Amino acid sequence: MRTGNIELGPMPLFLAPMEDVTYKSFRYMCKKYGADVMYTEFVSSEALIRDVKKSKQKMTLFDFDRPVAIQIFGHNTDSMVHAAKVAEEAGPDFIDINFGCPMKRIVKKGAGAAMLKDVPKMVEMAGSVVKAVSLPVTAKTRLGWDDNSKNIVDVAERLQDTGIAALAIHGRTRAQLYTGNADWTLIGEVKNNPRMHIPIIGNGDINGPLAAEQFLKQTGVDALMIGRGAIGRPWIFREVKHYFETGELLPPPFVPEVVQNVKDQLAISLEWKDDERRAVFEMRRHFAKYFPNLQNFREMRIELLRSESYADVHRILDEIAERYHDVRVDYTNVGLK
């Protein structure tokens, strides 16, 4: 697969952009286990115009990230053009436009998935951003606003005509948020539309190697994007690649290996944030996902989620590793919510 002049190889695996998730430490862990393409957390165009420090910090990139995209969102075309130029100066390999985020606080401002209700404006915005920068521009969107407006086949054609270099599609409508099952069928229709010639990246409900294989067989997409399935399981990229290469499922890691990875991720967060309490708080979403289906684990999970210091987290993690030293993590029936 190629995005602009960037060669990504056959069937690359993308880590989906996720707010409060795809910051430095989590990107590093996913890259370690085989993710091919990184995205930053999505960045508000209006915040970049106001030169908000937190938003600019999200665009800080590292050598391990490559290739990497900065994803921007907004409702105003001029602001998005300005944001794209600012993002380009940060040195990503490409710039991505968020036309798919279903979060209420973003949609109510007319950004993210709300753009699916105004396709002409979406097309105008994409075209303007493409013209404003020299880097490849990609986009990520959904099947449509709701069940009555699944217009992704038409939307994909029109976005392609603006000059975007690739399109990622999440297999749900905005109305679905993250409920129900992703509909891969329409993504396949986009990929197999004879008018389409840009790469199509499939996203939604990839929670392991078998789902990845089914998604690929059903749609024929050029790449797969994994989002929530990687939270608490960054080695999902290694598992998918191993299965594609050998046809064999890797056994899940033992709990002590998981513990060490959590420690590593926390250490990177602390180094990056230089704020112990904030680093620990940001890890809570990951703590909640790293140890599924462990027996008699409820009290330790609560204690871990309530911890506020680096020392307390390490103490609890050491106790987890000792208690479950010979147990493999069980991903059976682990959902994506």
Protein backbone atom coordinates (compact mmCIF):
# COMPACT_ATOMS: atom_id res chain seq x y z
CA MET A 1 0.00 0.00 0.00
CA ARG A 2 1.19 3.50 -0.81
CA THR A 3 -0.01 6.80 0.68
CA GLY A 4 1.27 9.63 -1.46
CA ASN A 5 4.97 8.81 -1.85
CA ILE A 6 5.04 6.74 1.35
CA GLU A 7 5.39 3.01 0.78
CA LEU A 8 3.74 1.11 3.65
CA GLY A 9 4.16 -2.44 2.38
CA PRO A 10 1.47 -5.10 1.93
CA MET A 11 -1.45 -5.06 4.38
CA PRO A 12 -0.11 -2.54 6.92
CA LEU A 13 -1.73 -2.35 10.35
CA PHE A 14 -2.76 1.13 11.53
CA LEU A 15 -3.28 2.24 15.12
CA ALA A 16 -6.48 4.29 15.08
CA PRO A 17 -6.38 7.83 16.45
CA MET A 18 -8.12 7.92 19.85
CA GLU A 19 -8.57 10.88 22.17
CA ASP A 20 -6.81 10.43 25.54
CA VAL A 21 -5.40 7.11 24.31
CA THR A 22 -2.94 7.48 21.44
CA TYR A 23 -0.41 9.62 23.27
CA LYS A 24 3.32 8.85 23.30
CA SER A 25 3.49 5.89 25.69
CA PHE A 26 0.65 3.93 24.09
CA ARG A 27 1.91 4.61 20.57
CA TYR A 28 5.31 3.32 21.66
CA MET A 29 3.85 0.08 23.01
CA CYS A 30 1.83 -0.54 19.86
CA LYS A 31 4.83 0.18 17.64
CA LYS A 32 6.90 -2.24 19.73
CA TYR A 33 4.42 -4.98 18.92
CA GLY A 34 4.11 -4.35 15.21
CA ALA A 35 1.78 -1.46 14.44
CA ASP A 36 2.95 -0.02 11.13
CA VAL A 37 1.33 3.41 11.09
CA MET A 38 0.69 5.76 14.01
CA TYR A 39 -1.75 8.63 14.52
CA THR A 40 -1.67 11.32 17.16
CA GLU A 41 -4.70 12.06 19.25
CA PHE A 42 -6.96 14.28 17.18
CA VAL A 43 -6.21 17.97 17.41
CA SER A 44 -8.75 20.80 17.33
CA SER A 45 -8.23 23.32 14.54
CA GLU A 46 -9.72 26.08 16.68
CA ALA A 47 -7.30 25.25 19.50
CA LEU A 48 -4.37 25.54 17.10
CA ILE A 49 -5.57 28.96 15.99
CA ARG A 50 -5.59 30.00 19.66
CA ASP A 51 -2.15 28.41 20.09
CA VAL A 52 -3.37 26.21 22.96
CA LYS A 53 -0.33 24.52 24.52
CA LYS A 54 -2.01 21.16 25.19
CA SER A 55 -3.15 20.83 21.58
CA LYS A 56 0.27 21.73 20.19
CA GLN A 57 1.83 19.21 22.57
CA LYS A 58 -0.31 16.48 21.00
CA MET A 59 1.56 17.07 17.75
CA THR A 60 4.96 16.26 19.24
CA LEU A 61 6.36 13.35 17.24
CA PHE A 62 9.15 10.87 17.92
CA ASP A 63 11.48 8.78 15.80
CA PHE A 64 9.69 5.56 16.73
CA ASP A 65 6.38 6.95 15.41
CA ARG A 66 7.32 6.87 11.73
CA PRO A 67 5.35 6.76 9.58
CA VAL A 68 2.90 8.93 11.49
CA ALA A 69 -0.06 11.21 10.84
CA ILE A 70 -1.36 14.19 12.74
CA GLN A 71 -5.15 14.13 12.74
CA ILE A 72 -7.05 17.42 12.83
CA PHE A 73 -10.75 18.21 13.21
CA GLY A 74 -12.98 21.26 12.99
CA HIS A 75 -16.08 22.74 11.41
CA ASN A 76 -14.63 25.80 9.71
CA THR A 77 -12.71 25.37 6.46
CA ASP A 78 -10.41 28.34 6.99
CA SER A 79 -9.54 27.12 10.47
CA MET A 80 -8.83 23.65 9.13
CA VAL A 81 -6.53 25.04 6.46
CA HIS A 82 -4.65 26.97 9.13
CA ALA A 83 -4.48 23.85 11.32
CA ALA A 84 -3.17 21.75 8.44
CA LYS A 85 -0.35 24.23 7.84
CA VAL A 86 0.55 24.24 11.54
CA ALA A 87 0.44 20.44 11.59
CA GLU A 88 2.67 20.27 8.52
CA GLU A 89 5.31 22.30 10.34
CA ALA A 90 5.40 19.63 13.07
CA GLY A 91 6.82 17.20 10.52
CA PRO A 92 4.38 14.29 10.17
CA ASP A 93 4.46 11.95 7.19
CA PHE A 94 0.87 12.83 6.32
CA ILE A 95 -2.09 14.77 7.67
CA ASP A 96 -5.44 13.15 8.42
CA ILE A 97 -8.85 14.82 8.59
CA ASN A 98 -11.31 13.58 11.20
CA PHE A 99 -14.71 13.22 9.59
CA GLY A 100 -15.81 10.39 11.87
CA CYS A 101 -15.54 11.17 15.59
CA PRO A 102 -18.99 10.59 17.14
CA MET A 103 -18.31 12.33 20.47
CA LYS A 104 -21.14 14.68 21.42
CA ARG A 105 -18.89 17.61 22.32
CA ILE A 106 -17.32 17.49 18.86
CA VAL A 107 -20.45 16.71 16.84
CA LYS A 108 -22.47 19.52 18.42
CA LYS A 109 -19.88 21.97 17.07
CA GLY A 110 -20.41 20.62 13.56
CA ALA A 111 -17.11 18.73 13.41
CA GLY A 112 -16.13 15.06 13.23
CA ALA A 113 -19.01 12.81 12.16
CA ALA A 114 -21.33 15.84 11.95
CA MET A 115 -19.70 16.57 8.60
CA LEU A 116 -21.58 13.54 7.23
CA LYS A 117 -24.73 15.66 7.41
CA ASP A 118 -23.17 18.27 5.10
CA VAL A 119 -21.24 16.38 2.44
CA PRO A 120 -20.67 19.43 0.19
CA LYS A 121 -18.97 21.20 3.08
CA MET A 122 -16.95 18.06 3.86
CA VAL A 123 -15.79 17.92 0.25
CA GLU A 124 -14.94 21.63 0.20
CA MET A 125 -12.94 21.28 3.41
CA ALA A 126 -11.02 18.24 2.22
CA GLY A 127 -10.15 19.89 -1.07
CA SER A 128 -9.00 23.07 0.62
CA VAL A 129 -6.74 21.19 3.03
CA VAL A 130 -5.26 19.13 0.19
CA LYS A 131 -4.39 22.30 -1.70
CA ALA A 132 -2.97 24.05 1.37
CA VAL A 133 -0.19 21.57 2.21
CA SER A 134 2.46 19.62 0.36
CA LEU A 135 2.10 16.46 2.45
CA PRO A 136 -0.35 13.68 1.56
CA VAL A 137 -3.77 14.24 3.14
CA THR A 138 -5.97 11.34 4.22
CA ALA A 139 -9.36 11.18 5.91
CA LYS A 140 -11.26 8.97 8.35
CA THR A 141 -15.03 8.75 8.43
CA ARG A 142 -18.03 6.48 9.08
CA LEU A 143 -20.74 4.79 7.01
CA GLY A 144 -23.09 7.74 7.40
CA TRP A 145 -24.95 9.76 10.00
CA ASP A 146 -27.60 7.10 10.76
CA ASP A 147 -29.29 4.05 9.24
CA ASN A 148 -31.25 6.27 6.86
CA SER A 149 -28.16 7.96 5.44
CA LYS A 150 -25.47 5.35 4.86
CA ASN A 151 -23.94 7.33 2.03
CA ILE A 152 -20.33 6.19 2.32
CA VAL A 153 -20.04 4.90 -1.27
CA ASP A 154 -20.89 8.34 -2.65
CA VAL A 155 -18.91 10.16 0.05
CA ALA A 156 -15.81 8.07 -0.69
CA GLU A 157 -15.95 8.91 -4.39
CA ARG A 158 -16.34 12.61 -3.70
CA LEU A 159 -13.52 12.68 -1.16
CA GLN A 160 -11.27 10.84 -3.59
CA ASP A 161 -12.01 13.50 -6.19
CA THR A 162 -10.67 16.19 -3.81
CA GLY A 163 -7.23 14.58 -3.94
CA ILE A 164 -7.04 12.77 -0.63
CA ALA A 165 -4.44 10.00 -0.67
CA ALA A 166 -6.30 7.32 1.34
CA LEU A 167 -9.57 6.85 3.21
CA ALA A 168 -10.17 5.01 6.49
CA ILE A 169 -13.74 3.91 7.18
CA HIS A 170 -15.21 2.84 10.51
CA GLY A 171 -18.03 0.37 9.95
CA ARG A 172 -20.68 2.17 12.00
CA THR A 173 -22.89 5.22 11.63
CA ARG A 174 -22.57 8.17 13.97
CA ALA A 175 -25.92 7.23 15.54
CA GLN A 176 -24.49 3.87 16.55
CA LEU A 177 -21.54 5.42 18.36
CA TYR A 178 -19.70 2.22 19.33
CA THR A 179 -22.77 0.04 19.91
CA GLY A 180 -23.95 -2.93 17.87
CA ASN A 181 -21.75 -4.60 15.30
CA ALA A 182 -19.61 -2.91 12.68
CA ASP A 183 -20.96 -3.36 9.14
CA TRP A 184 -18.02 -4.37 7.00
CA THR A 185 -20.21 -4.94 3.92
CA LEU A 186 -20.40 -1.28 2.94
CA ILE A 187 -16.65 -0.89 3.42
CA GLY A 188 -16.27 -3.73 0.91
CA GLU A 189 -18.58 -1.90 -1.49
CA VAL A 190 -16.33 1.14 -1.33
CA LYS A 191 -13.18 -0.90 -1.85
CA ASN A 192 -14.66 -2.81 -4.77
CA ASN A 193 -16.22 0.23 -6.43
CA PRO A 194 -14.50 0.38 -9.85
CA ARG A 195 -14.30 4.17 -9.54
CA MET A 196 -12.12 3.98 -6.44
CA HIS A 197 -8.37 3.91 -6.85
CA ILE A 198 -7.04 5.27 -3.54
CA PRO A 199 -6.27 2.84 -0.68
CA ILE A 200 -9.14 1.97 1.63
CA ILE A 201 -8.39 1.26 5.29
CA GLY A 202 -10.94 -0.83 7.19
CA ASN A 203 -11.76 -0.17 10.84
CA GLY A 204 -14.25 -1.52 13.36
CA ASP A 205 -14.54 -4.58 15.65
CA ILE A 206 -11.07 -6.00 15.00
CA ASN A 207 -10.55 -7.68 18.35
CA GLY A 208 -8.06 -10.35 17.31
CA PRO A 209 -6.46 -12.23 14.41
CA LEU A 210 -9.60 -14.14 13.39
CA ALA A 211 -11.67 -10.96 13.15
CA ALA A 212 -8.87 -9.33 11.17
CA GLU A 213 -8.83 -12.26 8.73
CA GLN A 214 -12.62 -12.17 8.34
CA PHE A 215 -12.61 -8.40 7.76
CA LEU A 216 -9.95 -8.74 5.08
CA LYS A 217 -11.66 -11.64 3.31
CA GLN A 218 -15.03 -9.89 3.33
CA THR A 219 -13.84 -6.50 2.10
CA GLY A 220 -10.47 -6.82 0.36
CA VAL A 221 -9.31 -3.55 1.95
CA ASP A 222 -5.73 -2.35 1.52
CA ALA A 223 -5.03 -2.02 5.24
CA LEU A 224 -6.60 -2.67 8.62
CA MET A 225 -6.97 -0.15 11.43
CA ILE A 226 -7.21 -1.28 15.03
CA GLY A 227 -8.51 1.03 17.74
CA ARG A 228 -10.23 -0.11 20.94
CA GLY A 229 -9.05 -3.67 20.39
CA ALA A 230 -5.51 -2.51 21.16
CA ILE A 231 -6.31 -0.86 24.49
CA GLY A 232 -4.90 -3.19 27.12
CA ARG A 233 -3.63 -5.43 24.35
CA PRO A 234 -0.98 -3.63 22.28
CA TRP A 235 0.41 -7.02 21.23
CA ILE A 236 -2.71 -7.52 19.11
CA PHE A 237 -0.63 -6.21 16.19
CA ARG A 238 1.96 -8.95 16.75
CA GLU A 239 -0.81 -11.53 17.02
CA VAL A 240 -2.47 -10.45 13.77
CA LYS A 241 0.80 -10.37 11.85
CA HIS A 242 1.87 -13.77 13.14
CA TYR A 243 -1.47 -15.28 12.14
CA PHE A 244 -1.36 -13.75 8.67
CA GLU A 245 2.19 -15.06 8.16
CA THR A 246 1.80 -18.56 9.65
CA GLY A 247 -1.88 -19.34 10.04
CA GLU A 248 -1.19 -20.03 13.73
CA LEU A 249 -2.61 -18.24 16.74
CA LEU A 250 -0.05 -17.04 19.24
CA PRO A 251 -0.79 -17.96 22.86
CA PRO A 252 -1.72 -14.94 24.98
CA PRO A 253 0.99 -13.54 27.27
CA PHE A 254 1.43 -14.58 30.87
CA VAL A 255 0.33 -12.04 33.47
CA PRO A 256 3.92 -11.12 34.54
CA GLU A 257 4.70 -10.13 30.93
CA VAL A 258 1.61 -7.96 30.88
CA VAL A 259 2.64 -6.40 34.19
CA GLN A 260 6.05 -5.50 32.79
CA ASN A 261 4.43 -3.86 29.77
CA VAL A 262 2.15 -1.80 32.00
CA LYS A 263 5.20 -0.67 33.98
CA ASP A 264 7.02 0.25 30.78
CA GLN A 265 4.06 2.22 29.47
CA LEU A 266 3.67 4.06 32.76
CA ALA A 267 7.38 4.90 32.86
CA ILE A 268 7.21 6.42 29.37
CA SER A 269 4.11 8.41 30.35
CA LEU A 270 5.86 9.74 33.42
CA GLU A 271 8.96 10.68 31.43
CA TRP A 272 6.84 12.49 28.84
CA LYS A 273 4.42 14.25 31.18
CA ASP A 274 6.90 14.90 34.01
CA ASP A 275 3.85 14.85 36.29
CA GLU A 276 3.41 11.70 38.35
CA ARG A 277 -0.24 12.14 39.23
CA ARG A 278 -1.25 13.00 35.68
CA ALA A 279 0.72 10.09 34.24
CA VAL A 280 -1.01 7.68 36.61
CA PHE A 281 -4.46 9.13 35.90
CA GLU A 282 -3.96 8.88 32.14
CA MET A 283 -3.06 5.21 32.54
CA ARG A 284 -6.32 4.32 34.26
CA ARG A 285 -8.13 3.64 31.02
CA HIS A 286 -5.43 1.13 30.19
CA PHE A 287 -5.32 -0.39 33.69
CA ALA A 288 -8.99 -1.26 33.29
CA LYS A 289 -8.28 -3.24 30.11
CA TYR A 290 -4.95 -4.97 30.73
CA PHE A 291 -6.12 -7.85 32.94
CA PRO A 292 -9.40 -9.28 31.61
CA ASN A 293 -11.03 -12.43 32.99
CA LEU A 294 -8.66 -12.94 35.92
CA GLN A 295 -10.35 -14.86 38.71
CA ASN A 296 -10.86 -13.10 42.05
CA PHE A 297 -9.37 -9.93 40.62
CA ARG A 298 -12.07 -7.37 41.42
CA GLU A 299 -10.51 -5.92 44.58
CA MET A 300 -7.06 -5.63 43.00
CA ARG A 301 -8.56 -3.94 39.94
CA ILE A 302 -10.37 -1.38 42.10
CA GLU A 303 -7.20 -0.72 44.07
CA LEU A 304 -5.22 -0.26 40.86
CA LEU A 305 -7.78 2.15 39.43
CA ARG A 306 -7.80 4.20 42.61
CA SER A 307 -4.03 4.49 42.90
CA GLU A 308 -2.61 7.98 42.57
CA SER A 309 1.14 7.43 42.89
CA TYR A 310 3.80 5.67 40.85
CA ALA A 311 4.91 3.71 43.92
CA ASP A 312 1.41 2.42 44.67
CA VAL A 313 0.86 1.32 41.10
CA HIS A 314 4.16 -0.57 41.09
CA ARG A 315 3.35 -2.25 44.39
CA ILE A 316 -0.03 -3.45 43.14
CA LEU A 317 1.42 -4.58 39.81
CA ASP A 318 4.06 -6.62 41.64
CA GLU A 319 1.31 -8.26 43.70
CA ILE A 320 -0.62 -9.07 40.52
CA ALA A 321 2.45 -10.60 38.90
CA GLU A 322 3.15 -12.73 41.96
CA ARG A 323 -0.43 -13.92 42.46
CA TYR A 324 -0.99 -14.78 38.79
CA HIS A 325 2.58 -15.72 37.84
CA ASP A 326 1.57 -18.84 35.89
CA VAL A 327 -1.67 -17.51 34.36
CA ARG A 328 -2.10 -16.38 30.78
CA VAL A 329 -4.38 -13.43 30.02
CA ASP A 330 -7.70 -14.71 28.68
CA TYR A 331 -9.25 -12.61 25.91
CA THR A 332 -12.26 -14.88 25.48
CA ASN A 333 -15.45 -12.82 25.20
CA VAL A 334 -13.59 -9.58 25.77
CA GLY A 335 -15.66 -6.87 24.09
CA LEU A 336 -14.51 -3.54 22.66
CA LYS A 337 -16.53 -1.23 24.89
